[in-house]
Amino acid sequence: LNEFEYISDWYYLAIKQLIKTKEFQEDYVWISKKLKSKITPAKAKSAIATLIKLGILDRRKSGALYVKRESIESSNDIPSAAIKGHHKQMMERAIEAVYEEDVSVRQVNSMSFRIDPNLVDAAKEKVLQFIYEFNDEYGMDKAGGELYQLNVQLFGHTTKESVKDKKSN
């Protein structure tokens, strides 16, 4: 969690994935443009330096960057400002995609439903299991491909207190 605080901005993990592509160039203007100019070249340079400092990236003898540590996973069910900020940024990127991306290259759905509160933990586990299985099936181990983001949200629309109870308090 402490490490994640350093790399919680959305573009750190995006850059980490970009480095694994065949076309990657350690050119900070190229990185900025590849990320749709959503970050500055200076932020790209700083992010790479931070990822190297944390041992997530390293350099080969040739000087080329490579991903030294694949897995970076934050904790579940532990409150963290860094994790909240990361998720907020990813949801903001999803909103941008609704307006900037053609429907042929994005998928956005939502569903409002009722659930027994006793089943929420099981539902959260099922969502996490889906994410792992999705990555196993569609995530690319080889270089290449475009960088995509998958966000899955599960949250309540209602409070546990009834409106009537709230007024009487």
Protein backbone atom coordinates (compact mmCIF):
# COMPACT_ATOMS: atom_id res chain seq x y z
CA LEU A 1 0.00 0.00 0.00
CA ASN A 2 2.85 2.42 0.81
CA GLU A 3 4.39 1.73 -2.59
CA PHE A 4 1.06 2.26 -4.34
CA GLU A 5 0.87 5.77 -2.87
CA TYR A 6 3.84 6.69 -5.07
CA ILE A 7 2.30 5.32 -8.26
CA SER A 8 -1.43 5.86 -7.69
CA ASP A 9 -1.85 8.29 -10.61
CA TRP A 10 -3.44 6.39 -13.49
CA TYR A 11 -0.58 6.86 -15.93
CA TYR A 12 2.07 4.98 -13.91
CA LEU A 13 0.50 1.61 -14.61
CA ALA A 14 -0.35 2.65 -18.17
CA ILE A 15 3.31 3.48 -18.83
CA LYS A 16 4.35 0.18 -17.26
CA GLN A 17 2.12 -1.61 -19.79
CA LEU A 18 3.33 0.54 -22.70
CA ILE A 19 6.93 -0.45 -22.01
CA LYS A 20 5.97 -4.06 -22.76
CA THR A 21 4.80 -3.21 -26.30
CA LYS A 22 6.93 -3.71 -29.42
CA GLU A 23 6.53 -0.11 -30.51
CA PHE A 24 7.53 1.45 -27.16
CA GLN A 25 9.93 4.37 -27.43
CA GLU A 26 11.58 5.95 -24.44
CA ASP A 27 10.68 9.30 -25.87
CA TYR A 28 8.59 11.29 -23.41
CA VAL A 29 6.78 13.20 -26.16
CA TRP A 30 5.92 9.85 -27.82
CA ILE A 31 4.63 8.50 -24.49
CA SER A 32 2.54 11.62 -23.96
CA LYS A 33 1.02 11.36 -27.45
CA LYS A 34 0.47 7.60 -27.11
CA LEU A 35 -1.52 8.32 -23.95
CA LYS A 36 -3.68 10.75 -25.96
CA SER A 37 -1.80 13.77 -24.54
CA LYS A 38 -3.49 13.17 -21.18
CA ILE A 39 -0.10 13.64 -19.46
CA THR A 40 2.84 15.89 -20.18
CA PRO A 41 6.22 14.59 -21.33
CA ALA A 42 7.62 15.75 -17.96
CA LYS A 43 5.11 13.55 -16.10
CA ALA A 44 6.08 10.58 -18.29
CA LYS A 45 9.76 11.13 -17.46
CA SER A 46 9.04 11.48 -13.75
CA ALA A 47 6.83 8.37 -13.73
CA ILE A 48 9.55 6.26 -15.33
CA ALA A 49 12.11 7.52 -12.81
CA THR A 50 9.77 6.64 -9.93
CA LEU A 51 9.02 3.18 -11.34
CA ILE A 52 12.77 2.52 -11.63
CA LYS A 53 13.39 3.78 -8.09
CA LEU A 54 10.69 1.40 -6.77
CA GLY A 55 12.22 -1.56 -8.63
CA ILE A 56 9.18 -2.02 -10.87
CA LEU A 57 11.18 -1.09 -13.97
CA ASP A 58 14.86 -1.58 -14.68
CA ARG A 59 17.30 -1.17 -17.53
CA ARG A 60 19.01 -3.84 -19.58
CA LYS A 61 22.75 -3.55 -20.25
CA SER A 62 21.77 -1.88 -23.54
CA GLY A 63 19.94 0.81 -21.56
CA ALA A 64 16.51 -0.32 -22.72
CA LEU A 65 13.74 -0.26 -20.15
CA TYR A 66 11.98 -3.45 -19.13
CA VAL A 67 9.35 -4.42 -16.57
CA LYS A 68 11.21 -6.05 -13.71
CA ARG A 69 8.20 -6.71 -11.50
CA GLU A 70 4.96 -7.67 -13.22
CA SER A 71 2.39 -7.80 -10.47
CA ILE A 72 1.35 -4.68 -8.63
CA GLU A 73 -1.82 -5.20 -6.67
CA SER A 74 -3.33 -2.92 -4.07
CA SER A 75 -5.18 -4.22 -1.06
CA ASN A 76 -8.91 -4.93 -0.99
CA ASP A 77 -11.31 -3.57 1.61
CA ILE A 78 -8.71 -1.32 3.24
CA PRO A 79 -9.47 2.42 3.11
CA SER A 80 -6.73 4.36 1.35
CA ALA A 81 -6.63 7.85 -0.12
CA ALA A 82 -4.23 6.60 -2.82
CA ILE A 83 -6.53 3.79 -3.90
CA LYS A 84 -9.58 6.08 -3.85
CA GLY A 85 -7.71 8.63 -5.97
CA HIS A 86 -6.59 5.96 -8.44
CA HIS A 87 -10.12 4.63 -8.89
CA LYS A 88 -11.48 8.17 -9.26
CA GLN A 89 -8.95 8.91 -12.00
CA MET A 90 -9.80 5.69 -13.84
CA MET A 91 -13.52 6.49 -13.67
CA GLU A 92 -12.79 9.97 -15.01
CA ARG A 93 -10.88 8.36 -17.89
CA ALA A 94 -13.94 6.15 -18.52
CA ILE A 95 -16.16 9.24 -18.68
CA GLU A 96 -13.75 10.82 -21.17
CA ALA A 97 -13.88 7.64 -23.27
CA VAL A 98 -17.68 7.87 -23.49
CA TYR A 99 -17.26 11.20 -25.31
CA GLU A 100 -13.91 10.68 -27.07
CA GLU A 101 -13.91 7.03 -28.17
CA ASP A 102 -15.96 5.47 -30.92
CA VAL A 103 -18.43 2.87 -29.67
CA SER A 104 -16.63 0.23 -31.74
CA VAL A 105 -13.62 0.38 -29.38
CA ARG A 106 -15.33 0.75 -26.02
CA GLN A 107 -18.01 -0.99 -24.01
CA VAL A 108 -19.90 0.80 -21.26
CA ASN A 109 -22.81 -0.81 -19.48
CA SER A 110 -24.52 -0.40 -16.18
CA MET A 111 -27.16 -2.22 -14.24
CA SER A 112 -29.19 -1.22 -11.20
CA PHE A 113 -30.40 -4.20 -9.21
CA ARG A 114 -31.52 -5.22 -5.74
CA ILE A 115 -29.35 -7.49 -3.61
CA ASP A 116 -29.61 -9.02 -0.15
CA PRO A 117 -26.98 -7.14 1.93
CA ASN A 118 -25.77 -10.50 3.25
CA LEU A 119 -24.67 -11.41 -0.29
CA VAL A 120 -22.55 -8.32 -0.98
CA ASP A 121 -19.28 -9.95 0.15
CA ALA A 122 -19.94 -12.93 -2.15
CA ALA A 123 -20.81 -10.55 -5.02
CA LYS A 124 -17.54 -8.63 -4.48
CA GLU A 125 -15.59 -11.90 -4.56
CA LYS A 126 -17.32 -12.88 -7.81
CA VAL A 127 -16.36 -9.53 -9.39
CA LEU A 128 -12.72 -10.00 -8.32
CA GLN A 129 -12.72 -13.54 -9.70
CA PHE A 130 -14.10 -12.23 -13.01
CA ILE A 131 -11.30 -9.66 -13.25
CA TYR A 132 -8.60 -12.30 -12.73
CA GLU A 133 -10.22 -14.67 -15.25
CA PHE A 134 -10.70 -11.84 -17.76
CA ASN A 135 -7.02 -10.90 -17.51
CA ASP A 136 -5.95 -14.53 -17.88
CA GLU A 137 -8.01 -14.89 -21.06
CA TYR A 138 -7.55 -11.51 -22.74
CA GLY A 139 -4.43 -9.93 -21.22
CA MET A 140 -1.44 -10.21 -23.52
CA ASP A 141 1.78 -11.74 -22.28
CA LYS A 142 3.59 -10.97 -25.51
CA ALA A 143 4.61 -7.51 -26.65
CA GLY A 144 2.14 -5.60 -28.75
CA GLY A 145 -1.49 -4.72 -28.61
CA GLU A 146 -3.17 -1.56 -27.52
CA LEU A 147 -3.58 -0.50 -23.91
CA TYR A 148 -7.13 -0.76 -22.56
CA GLN A 149 -8.65 -0.21 -19.12
CA LEU A 150 -11.35 -2.37 -17.56
CA ASN A 151 -13.29 -0.82 -14.69
CA VAL A 152 -15.96 -2.74 -12.85
CA GLN A 153 -17.89 -0.96 -10.15
CA LEU A 154 -20.24 -2.39 -7.54
CA PHE A 155 -21.72 0.10 -5.11
CA GLY A 156 -24.93 0.88 -3.27
CA HIS A 157 -27.44 3.50 -4.32
CA THR A 158 -29.34 3.49 -1.05
CA THR A 159 -28.61 4.02 2.62
CA LYS A 160 -29.23 1.35 5.21
CA GLU A 161 -31.34 3.76 7.25
CA SER A 162 -34.81 4.47 6.02
CA VAL A 163 -35.68 8.11 5.31
CA LYS A 164 -38.34 7.96 8.02
CA ASP A 165 -35.78 6.81 10.64
CA LYS A 166 -33.38 9.55 9.60
CA LYS A 167 -36.00 12.30 10.09
CA SER A 168 -36.81 11.08 13.60
CA ASN A 169 -33.15 11.21 14.74
